C-alpha atoms as a PDB file:
ATOM      1  CA  MET A   1      43.512   2.887 -28.801  1.00  0.00           C
ATOM      2  CA  LYS A   2      41.435   5.344 -26.792  1.00  0.00           C
ATOM      3  CA  LYS A   3      38.986   2.551 -25.854  1.00  0.00           C
ATOM      4  CA  VAL A   4      41.855   0.368 -24.653  1.00  0.00           C
ATOM      5  CA  LYS A   5      43.177   3.148 -22.384  1.00  0.00           C
ATOM      6  CA  ILE A   6      39.715   3.745 -20.894  1.00  0.00           C
ATOM      7  CA  LEU A   7      39.258   0.006 -20.354  1.00  0.00           C
ATOM      8  CA  ALA A   8      42.687  -0.292 -18.725  1.00  0.00           C
ATOM      9  CA  LEU A   9      41.948   2.682 -16.480  1.00  0.00           C
ATOM     10  CA  ALA A  10      38.576   1.217 -15.484  1.00  0.00           C
ATOM     11  CA  LEU A  11      40.142  -2.143 -14.639  1.00  0.00           C
ATOM     12  CA  THR A  12      42.789  -0.390 -12.550  1.00  0.00           C
ATOM     13  CA  PHE A  13      40.103   1.384 -10.499  1.00  0.00           C
ATOM     14  CA  ILE A  14      38.125  -1.815 -10.026  1.00  0.00           C
ATOM     15  CA  ALA A  15      41.215  -3.763  -8.958  1.00  0.00           C
ATOM     16  CA  SER A  16      42.357  -1.079  -6.523  1.00  0.00           C
ATOM     17  CA  GLY A  17      38.857  -0.914  -5.029  1.00  0.00           C
ATOM     18  CA  SER A  18      38.855  -4.685  -4.525  1.00  0.00           C
ATOM     19  CA  ILE A  19      42.239  -4.608  -2.829  1.00  0.00           C
ATOM     20  CA  ALA A  20      41.187  -1.686  -0.622  1.00  0.00           C
ATOM     21  CA  GLY A  21      38.042  -3.586   0.305  1.00  0.00           C
ATOM     22  CA  LEU A  22      40.125  -6.538   1.479  1.00  0.00           C
ATOM     23  CA  ALA A  23      42.579  -4.377   3.398  1.00  0.00           C
ATOM     24  CA  PHE A  24      39.941  -2.517   5.389  1.00  0.00           C
ATOM     25  CA  LYS A  25      37.599  -4.898   7.134  1.00  0.00           C
ATOM     26  CA  PRO A  26      35.311  -3.766   9.939  1.00  0.00           C
ATOM     27  CA  ALA A  27      36.446  -4.219  13.506  1.00  0.00           C
ATOM     28  CA  GLU A  28      35.206  -7.331  15.217  1.00  0.00           C
ATOM     29  CA  THR A  29      32.671  -6.735  17.957  1.00  0.00           C
ATOM     30  CA  THR A  30      31.779  -8.743  20.976  1.00  0.00           C
ATOM     31  CA  ASP A  31      28.057  -7.966  21.051  1.00  0.00           C
ATOM     32  CA  SER A  32      26.496  -9.929  23.887  1.00  0.00           C
ATOM     33  CA  GLY A  33      22.985  -9.407  22.530  1.00  0.00           C
ATOM     34  CA  ILE A  34      21.757  -7.995  25.851  1.00  0.00           C
ATOM     35  CA  TYR A  35      20.088  -4.601  25.585  1.00  0.00           C
ATOM     36  CA  LEU A  36      18.546  -2.345  28.189  1.00  0.00           C
ATOM     37  CA  THR A  37      15.333  -0.545  27.302  1.00  0.00           C
ATOM     38  CA  VAL A  38      14.812   2.662  29.223  1.00  0.00           C
ATOM     39  CA  PRO A  39      11.148   3.613  29.576  1.00  0.00           C
ATOM     40  CA  GLN A  40      10.159   7.116  28.479  1.00  0.00           C
ATOM     41  CA  GLY A  41       8.292   8.618  31.392  1.00  0.00           C
ATOM     42  CA  GLY A  42       7.586   6.378  34.290  1.00  0.00           C
ATOM     43  CA  ILE A  43       4.363   7.614  35.858  1.00  0.00           C
ATOM     44  CA  GLU A  44       1.190   7.221  33.830  1.00  0.00           C
ATOM     45  CA  PHE A  45      -1.866   9.288  34.723  1.00  0.00           C
ATOM     46  CA  SER A  46      -4.728  11.237  33.148  1.00  0.00           C
ATOM     47  CA  LEU A  47      -5.600  14.894  33.514  1.00  0.00           C
ATOM     48  CA  LYS A  48      -9.273  15.780  33.133  1.00  0.00           C
ATOM     49  CA  ASN A  49     -10.435  19.348  32.504  1.00  0.00           C
ATOM     50  CA  ASP A  50     -13.515  19.505  34.689  1.00  0.00           C
ATOM     51  CA  THR A  51     -13.601  23.319  34.595  1.00  0.00           C
ATOM     52  CA  ASP A  52     -15.929  25.478  32.515  1.00  0.00           C
ATOM     53  CA  ASP A  53     -13.110  26.807  30.314  1.00  0.00           C
ATOM     54  CA  ASN A  54     -10.512  25.582  27.846  1.00  0.00           C
ATOM     55  CA  VAL A  55      -7.149  25.614  29.641  1.00  0.00           C
ATOM     56  CA  ASN A  56      -3.653  25.816  28.158  1.00  0.00           C
ATOM     57  CA  ILE A  57      -1.232  23.516  29.948  1.00  0.00           C
ATOM     58  CA  TYR A  58       2.575  23.358  29.885  1.00  0.00           C
ATOM     59  CA  ASP A  59       3.443  19.710  30.586  1.00  0.00           C
ATOM     60  CA  GLY A  60       7.204  19.954  30.942  1.00  0.00           C
ATOM     61  CA  SER A  61       7.877  19.417  27.247  1.00  0.00           C
ATOM     62  CA  GLY A  62       5.355  21.580  25.429  1.00  0.00           C
ATOM     63  CA  TYR A  63       2.022  23.338  25.454  1.00  0.00           C
ATOM     64  CA  ALA A  64      -1.377  21.712  24.970  1.00  0.00           C
ATOM     65  CA  THR A  65      -4.945  22.921  25.241  1.00  0.00           C
ATOM     66  CA  LEU A  66      -7.342  20.911  27.344  1.00  0.00           C
ATOM     67  CA  ASN A  67     -10.850  21.709  26.161  1.00  0.00           C
ATOM     68  CA  LYS A  68     -13.553  21.755  28.816  1.00  0.00           C
ATOM     69  CA  GLY A  69     -14.666  18.218  29.557  1.00  0.00           C
ATOM     70  CA  SER A  70     -11.668  16.645  27.808  1.00  0.00           C
ATOM     71  CA  GLN A  71      -9.111  14.255  29.254  1.00  0.00           C
ATOM     72  CA  LYS A  72      -5.485  13.668  28.255  1.00  0.00           C
ATOM     73  CA  ASN A  73      -3.212  10.759  29.172  1.00  0.00           C
ATOM     74  CA  TYR A  74       0.363  11.418  30.227  1.00  0.00           C
ATOM     75  CA  SER A  75       3.472   9.398  30.958  1.00  0.00           C
ATOM     76  CA  LYS A  76       5.989  11.609  32.757  1.00  0.00           C
ATOM     77  CA  ASP A  77       8.958  11.280  35.064  1.00  0.00           C
ATOM     78  CA  ALA A  78       8.592  12.090  38.741  1.00  0.00           C
ATOM     79  CA  GLY A  79       9.383  15.738  39.346  1.00  0.00           C
ATOM     80  CA  THR A  80       7.981  16.996  36.020  1.00  0.00           C
ATOM     81  CA  LYS A  81       6.156  20.267  36.652  1.00  0.00           C
ATOM     82  CA  PHE A  82       2.826  21.176  35.065  1.00  0.00           C
ATOM     83  CA  HIS A  83       1.947  24.852  34.667  1.00  0.00           C
ATOM     84  CA  VAL A  84      -0.929  26.861  33.277  1.00  0.00           C
ATOM     85  CA  GLY A  85       0.158  28.095  29.848  1.00  0.00           C
ATOM     86  CA  GLU A  86      -0.282  31.854  29.518  1.00  0.00           C
ATOM     87  CA  SER A  87       0.426  33.385  26.087  1.00  0.00           C
ATOM     88  CA  GLY A  88       3.102  30.813  25.270  1.00  0.00           C
ATOM     89  CA  LYS A  89       4.799  31.128  28.667  1.00  0.00           C
ATOM     90  CA  LYS A  90       4.660  29.093  31.848  1.00  0.00           C
ATOM     91  CA  GLY A  91       2.147  30.550  34.279  1.00  0.00           C
ATOM     92  CA  LYS A  92       0.980  29.329  37.666  1.00  0.00           C
ATOM     93  CA  LEU A  93       2.432  26.014  38.856  1.00  0.00           C
ATOM     94  CA  LEU A  94      -0.359  23.444  38.946  1.00  0.00           C
ATOM     95  CA  PHE A  95       1.454  20.404  40.330  1.00  0.00           C
ATOM     96  CA  GLU A  96       4.616  18.332  40.260  1.00  0.00           C
ATOM     97  CA  VAL A  97       4.346  14.697  39.120  1.00  0.00           C
ATOM     98  CA  SER A  98       4.833  12.143  41.880  1.00  0.00           C
ATOM     99  CA  SER A  99       4.557   8.370  42.118  1.00  0.00           C
ATOM    100  CA  SER A 100       1.270   8.699  44.033  1.00  0.00           C
ATOM    101  CA  MET A 101      -0.379   9.847  40.763  1.00  0.00           C
ATOM    102  CA  GLU A 102       0.269   6.525  38.994  1.00  0.00           C
ATOM    103  CA  GLY A 103      -2.882   5.220  37.289  1.00  0.00           C
ATOM    104  CA  LYS A 104      -5.106   8.029  38.571  1.00  0.00           C
ATOM    105  CA  THR A 105      -7.291  10.577  36.822  1.00  0.00           C
ATOM    106  CA  LEU A 106      -6.494  14.030  38.182  1.00  0.00           C
ATOM    107  CA  LYS A 107      -9.156  16.724  38.087  1.00  0.00           C
ATOM    108  CA  LEU A 108      -7.800  20.032  36.859  1.00  0.00           C
ATOM    109  CA  SER A 109     -10.162  22.000  39.146  1.00  0.00           C
ATOM    110  CA  SER A 110      -8.311  20.574  42.164  1.00  0.00           C
ATOM    111  CA  TYR A 111      -5.134  22.367  41.086  1.00  0.00           C
ATOM    112  CA  MET A 112      -6.467  25.660  39.682  1.00  0.00           C
END
């Protein structure tokens, strides 16, 4: 008798789940299939550390160390400001990204 009650209860749950599944269908969408991809950072350039020292740089989103002689590629929006990084804080303003920098290799010594 106990097995019959458990079976009946299980069938009740299954049936109610099936009915609920039919009653609640997802909303219909009118997806046109056209998507817009927004580029992350529009101006691509390189920054070369041509100084005799390792330099900490704040690039608008975080800190990075440019070892002497190294070069780093960036893709940033116009107006992004680059600073010298001093003890985890923004120091001297080096430059602000502009469209004229596109595709160029900037020498750090020119901005120090």
